[in-house]
Amino acid sequence: MSEFDSMTFARRLKALREERGLNQKELSRAAGLTEAAIANYEVGRGMPNAVKVVALANALGCTTDVLLGIVPLAVA
């Protein structure tokens, strides 16, 4: 991806969460974020800061590159 796209992030976040069998509440607890924040991120309303992206990636067991859409999901 040549340019950052917030909708790519939104789709990746939801896809990775569902792939791991987590609901939004479980991911929010694992990442230390609110459930509302997760819901907003997944529909493209707002973007997490770098610290939160790292927390989400850690909770999902992936790299920030995968979560941000820099690396294809097939690599994840």
N, C-alpha and C. Protein backbone atom coordinates (compact mmCIF):
# COMPACT_ATOMS: atom_id res chain seq x y z
N MET A 1 0.85 -1.16 0.00
CA MET A 1 0.00 0.00 0.00
C MET A 1 0.89 1.22 0.00
N SER A 2 0.69 2.12 -0.91
CA SER A 2 1.56 3.27 -1.02
C SER A 2 1.16 4.40 -0.09
N GLU A 3 -0.10 4.51 0.25
CA GLU A 3 -0.60 5.57 1.11
C GLU A 3 -1.40 4.93 2.22
N PHE A 4 -1.33 5.52 3.42
CA PHE A 4 -2.12 4.97 4.51
C PHE A 4 -3.59 5.20 4.24
N ASP A 5 -4.38 4.20 4.47
CA ASP A 5 -5.81 4.25 4.23
C ASP A 5 -6.53 3.80 5.50
N SER A 6 -7.28 4.70 6.11
CA SER A 6 -7.94 4.37 7.37
C SER A 6 -8.97 3.25 7.21
N MET A 7 -9.57 3.12 6.03
CA MET A 7 -10.52 2.04 5.84
C MET A 7 -9.82 0.69 5.72
N THR A 8 -8.60 0.68 5.22
CA THR A 8 -7.82 -0.56 5.22
C THR A 8 -7.59 -0.99 6.66
N PHE A 9 -7.22 -0.04 7.51
CA PHE A 9 -7.03 -0.35 8.92
C PHE A 9 -8.32 -0.90 9.53
N ALA A 10 -9.44 -0.24 9.24
CA ALA A 10 -10.73 -0.67 9.80
C ALA A 10 -11.05 -2.11 9.39
N ARG A 11 -10.88 -2.40 8.10
CA ARG A 11 -11.16 -3.76 7.61
C ARG A 11 -10.20 -4.78 8.21
N ARG A 12 -8.92 -4.42 8.30
CA ARG A 12 -7.94 -5.34 8.86
C ARG A 12 -8.23 -5.64 10.33
N LEU A 13 -8.54 -4.60 11.08
CA LEU A 13 -8.82 -4.78 12.50
C LEU A 13 -9.97 -5.75 12.70
N LYS A 14 -11.05 -5.53 11.99
CA LYS A 14 -12.22 -6.41 12.13
C LYS A 14 -11.90 -7.83 11.67
N ALA A 15 -11.24 -7.96 10.53
CA ALA A 15 -10.92 -9.29 9.99
C ALA A 15 -10.01 -10.07 10.94
N LEU A 16 -9.00 -9.41 11.47
CA LEU A 16 -8.08 -10.09 12.39
C LEU A 16 -8.78 -10.46 13.69
N ARG A 17 -9.63 -9.56 14.19
CA ARG A 17 -10.37 -9.85 15.43
C ARG A 17 -11.26 -11.07 15.22
N GLU A 18 -12.00 -11.09 14.12
CA GLU A 18 -12.90 -12.22 13.86
C GLU A 18 -12.13 -13.50 13.61
N GLU A 19 -11.00 -13.39 12.90
CA GLU A 19 -10.17 -14.57 12.64
C GLU A 19 -9.68 -15.21 13.94
N ARG A 20 -9.44 -14.38 14.93
CA ARG A 20 -8.97 -14.88 16.22
C ARG A 20 -10.10 -15.29 17.14
N GLY A 21 -11.34 -15.16 16.67
CA GLY A 21 -12.50 -15.58 17.45
C GLY A 21 -12.81 -14.66 18.63
N LEU A 22 -12.45 -13.41 18.50
CA LEU A 22 -12.69 -12.44 19.59
C LEU A 22 -13.87 -11.55 19.24
N ASN A 23 -14.63 -11.17 20.27
CA ASN A 23 -15.62 -10.14 20.04
C ASN A 23 -14.98 -8.79 20.42
N GLN A 24 -15.69 -7.71 20.18
CA GLN A 24 -15.11 -6.39 20.44
C GLN A 24 -14.77 -6.20 21.91
N LYS A 25 -15.59 -6.72 22.78
CA LYS A 25 -15.35 -6.58 24.22
C LYS A 25 -14.06 -7.30 24.62
N GLU A 26 -13.87 -8.50 24.11
CA GLU A 26 -12.66 -9.26 24.44
C GLU A 26 -11.41 -8.56 23.92
N LEU A 27 -11.49 -8.05 22.70
CA LEU A 27 -10.33 -7.33 22.16
C LEU A 27 -10.06 -6.06 22.94
N SER A 28 -11.11 -5.35 23.31
CA SER A 28 -10.92 -4.11 24.06
C SER A 28 -10.22 -4.39 25.39
N ARG A 29 -10.61 -5.44 26.06
CA ARG A 29 -9.96 -5.81 27.33
C ARG A 29 -8.50 -6.19 27.11
N ALA A 30 -8.25 -6.99 26.09
CA ALA A 30 -6.89 -7.46 25.82
C ALA A 30 -5.96 -6.31 25.44
N ALA A 31 -6.51 -5.31 24.76
CA ALA A 31 -5.69 -4.18 24.30
C ALA A 31 -5.70 -3.00 25.28
N GLY A 32 -6.55 -3.06 26.29
CA GLY A 32 -6.64 -1.96 27.25
C GLY A 32 -7.33 -0.73 26.68
N LEU A 33 -8.29 -0.96 25.79
CA LEU A 33 -9.05 0.12 25.16
C LEU A 33 -10.53 -0.06 25.47
N THR A 34 -11.33 0.93 25.15
CA THR A 34 -12.76 0.79 25.37
C THR A 34 -13.39 0.02 24.21
N GLU A 35 -14.51 -0.61 24.52
CA GLU A 35 -15.25 -1.32 23.48
C GLU A 35 -15.74 -0.34 22.42
N ALA A 36 -16.12 0.86 22.84
CA ALA A 36 -16.58 1.89 21.90
C ALA A 36 -15.45 2.28 20.94
N ALA A 37 -14.23 2.34 21.43
CA ALA A 37 -13.10 2.68 20.57
C ALA A 37 -12.93 1.62 19.49
N ILE A 38 -13.00 0.35 19.88
CA ILE A 38 -12.86 -0.74 18.91
C ILE A 38 -13.96 -0.64 17.86
N ALA A 39 -15.20 -0.43 18.30
CA ALA A 39 -16.32 -0.31 17.37
C ALA A 39 -16.11 0.84 16.40
N ASN A 40 -15.65 1.97 16.91
CA ASN A 40 -15.41 3.13 16.05
C ASN A 40 -14.29 2.86 15.05
N TYR A 41 -13.20 2.26 15.51
CA TYR A 41 -12.09 1.96 14.61
C TYR A 41 -12.53 1.03 13.49
N GLU A 42 -13.38 0.06 13.82
CA GLU A 42 -13.80 -0.94 12.84
C GLU A 42 -14.71 -0.38 11.75
N VAL A 43 -15.31 0.77 11.99
CA VAL A 43 -16.15 1.38 10.95
C VAL A 43 -15.49 2.61 10.35
N GLY A 44 -14.24 2.83 10.71
CA GLY A 44 -13.49 3.93 10.12
C GLY A 44 -13.71 5.28 10.76
N ARG A 45 -14.33 5.31 11.93
CA ARG A 45 -14.50 6.56 12.68
C ARG A 45 -13.35 6.68 13.66
N GLY A 46 -12.40 7.49 13.32
CA GLY A 46 -11.26 7.69 14.19
C GLY A 46 -10.16 6.69 13.94
N MET A 47 -8.98 7.09 14.34
CA MET A 47 -7.79 6.24 14.21
C MET A 47 -7.06 6.23 15.54
N PRO A 48 -6.55 5.07 15.92
CA PRO A 48 -5.77 5.01 17.16
C PRO A 48 -4.41 5.65 16.96
N ASN A 49 -3.84 6.13 18.06
CA ASN A 49 -2.48 6.64 17.99
C ASN A 49 -1.52 5.45 17.94
N ALA A 50 -0.25 5.74 17.81
CA ALA A 50 0.76 4.68 17.65
C ALA A 50 0.78 3.71 18.83
N VAL A 51 0.64 4.21 20.03
CA VAL A 51 0.65 3.35 21.22
C VAL A 51 -0.52 2.37 21.18
N LYS A 52 -1.68 2.86 20.76
CA LYS A 52 -2.86 2.00 20.69
C LYS A 52 -2.76 1.00 19.54
N VAL A 53 -2.15 1.40 18.44
CA VAL A 53 -1.94 0.45 17.33
C VAL A 53 -1.06 -0.71 17.81
N VAL A 54 -0.03 -0.40 18.55
CA VAL A 54 0.86 -1.44 19.09
C VAL A 54 0.08 -2.34 20.05
N ALA A 55 -0.75 -1.75 20.92
CA ALA A 55 -1.55 -2.54 21.86
C ALA A 55 -2.51 -3.46 21.11
N LEU A 56 -3.13 -2.95 20.07
CA LEU A 56 -4.05 -3.77 19.28
C LEU A 56 -3.30 -4.90 18.58
N ALA A 57 -2.17 -4.59 17.98
CA ALA A 57 -1.38 -5.62 17.30
C ALA A 57 -0.95 -6.71 18.29
N ASN A 58 -0.51 -6.31 19.46
CA ASN A 58 -0.10 -7.29 20.47
C ASN A 58 -1.29 -8.16 20.89
N ALA A 59 -2.45 -7.53 21.10
CA ALA A 59 -3.63 -8.29 21.51
C ALA A 59 -4.09 -9.25 20.42
N LEU A 60 -3.84 -8.90 19.17
CA LEU A 60 -4.24 -9.74 18.04
C LEU A 60 -3.15 -10.72 17.62
N GLY A 61 -1.97 -10.61 18.21
CA GLY A 61 -0.88 -11.51 17.87
C GLY A 61 -0.36 -11.31 16.47
N CYS A 62 -0.31 -10.06 16.03
CA CYS A 62 0.21 -9.75 14.70
C CYS A 62 1.14 -8.55 14.80
N THR A 63 1.76 -8.21 13.71
CA THR A 63 2.62 -7.04 13.69
C THR A 63 1.79 -5.80 13.36
N THR A 64 2.33 -4.65 13.67
CA THR A 64 1.66 -3.40 13.30
C THR A 64 1.60 -3.27 11.78
N ASP A 65 2.59 -3.79 11.07
CA ASP A 65 2.58 -3.74 9.61
C ASP A 65 1.38 -4.48 9.03
N VAL A 66 1.06 -5.62 9.60
CA VAL A 66 -0.11 -6.38 9.15
C VAL A 66 -1.38 -5.60 9.47
N LEU A 67 -1.49 -5.10 10.69
CA LEU A 67 -2.68 -4.38 11.11
C LEU A 67 -2.90 -3.11 10.28
N LEU A 68 -1.84 -2.43 9.93
CA LEU A 68 -1.95 -1.19 9.17
C LEU A 68 -2.10 -1.40 7.67
N GLY A 69 -1.95 -2.63 7.21
CA GLY A 69 -2.13 -2.92 5.80
C GLY A 69 -0.87 -2.77 4.97
N ILE A 70 0.28 -2.72 5.63
CA ILE A 70 1.55 -2.60 4.93
C ILE A 70 1.98 -3.96 4.38
N VAL A 71 1.67 -5.01 5.13
CA VAL A 71 1.99 -6.38 4.75
C VAL A 71 0.67 -7.09 4.46
N PRO A 72 0.59 -7.87 3.41
CA PRO A 72 -0.65 -8.59 3.08
C PRO A 72 -1.08 -9.52 4.21
N LEU A 73 -2.38 -9.71 4.34
CA LEU A 73 -2.92 -10.61 5.36
C LEU A 73 -2.43 -12.03 5.18
N ALA A 74 -2.16 -12.46 3.97
CA ALA A 74 -1.69 -13.81 3.72
C ALA A 74 -0.38 -14.09 4.43
N VAL A 75 0.39 -13.05 4.73
CA VAL A 75 1.67 -13.21 5.42
C VAL A 75 1.45 -13.36 6.93
N ALA A 76 0.33 -12.86 7.40
CA ALA A 76 0.07 -12.82 8.85
C ALA A 76 0.01 -14.17 9.45
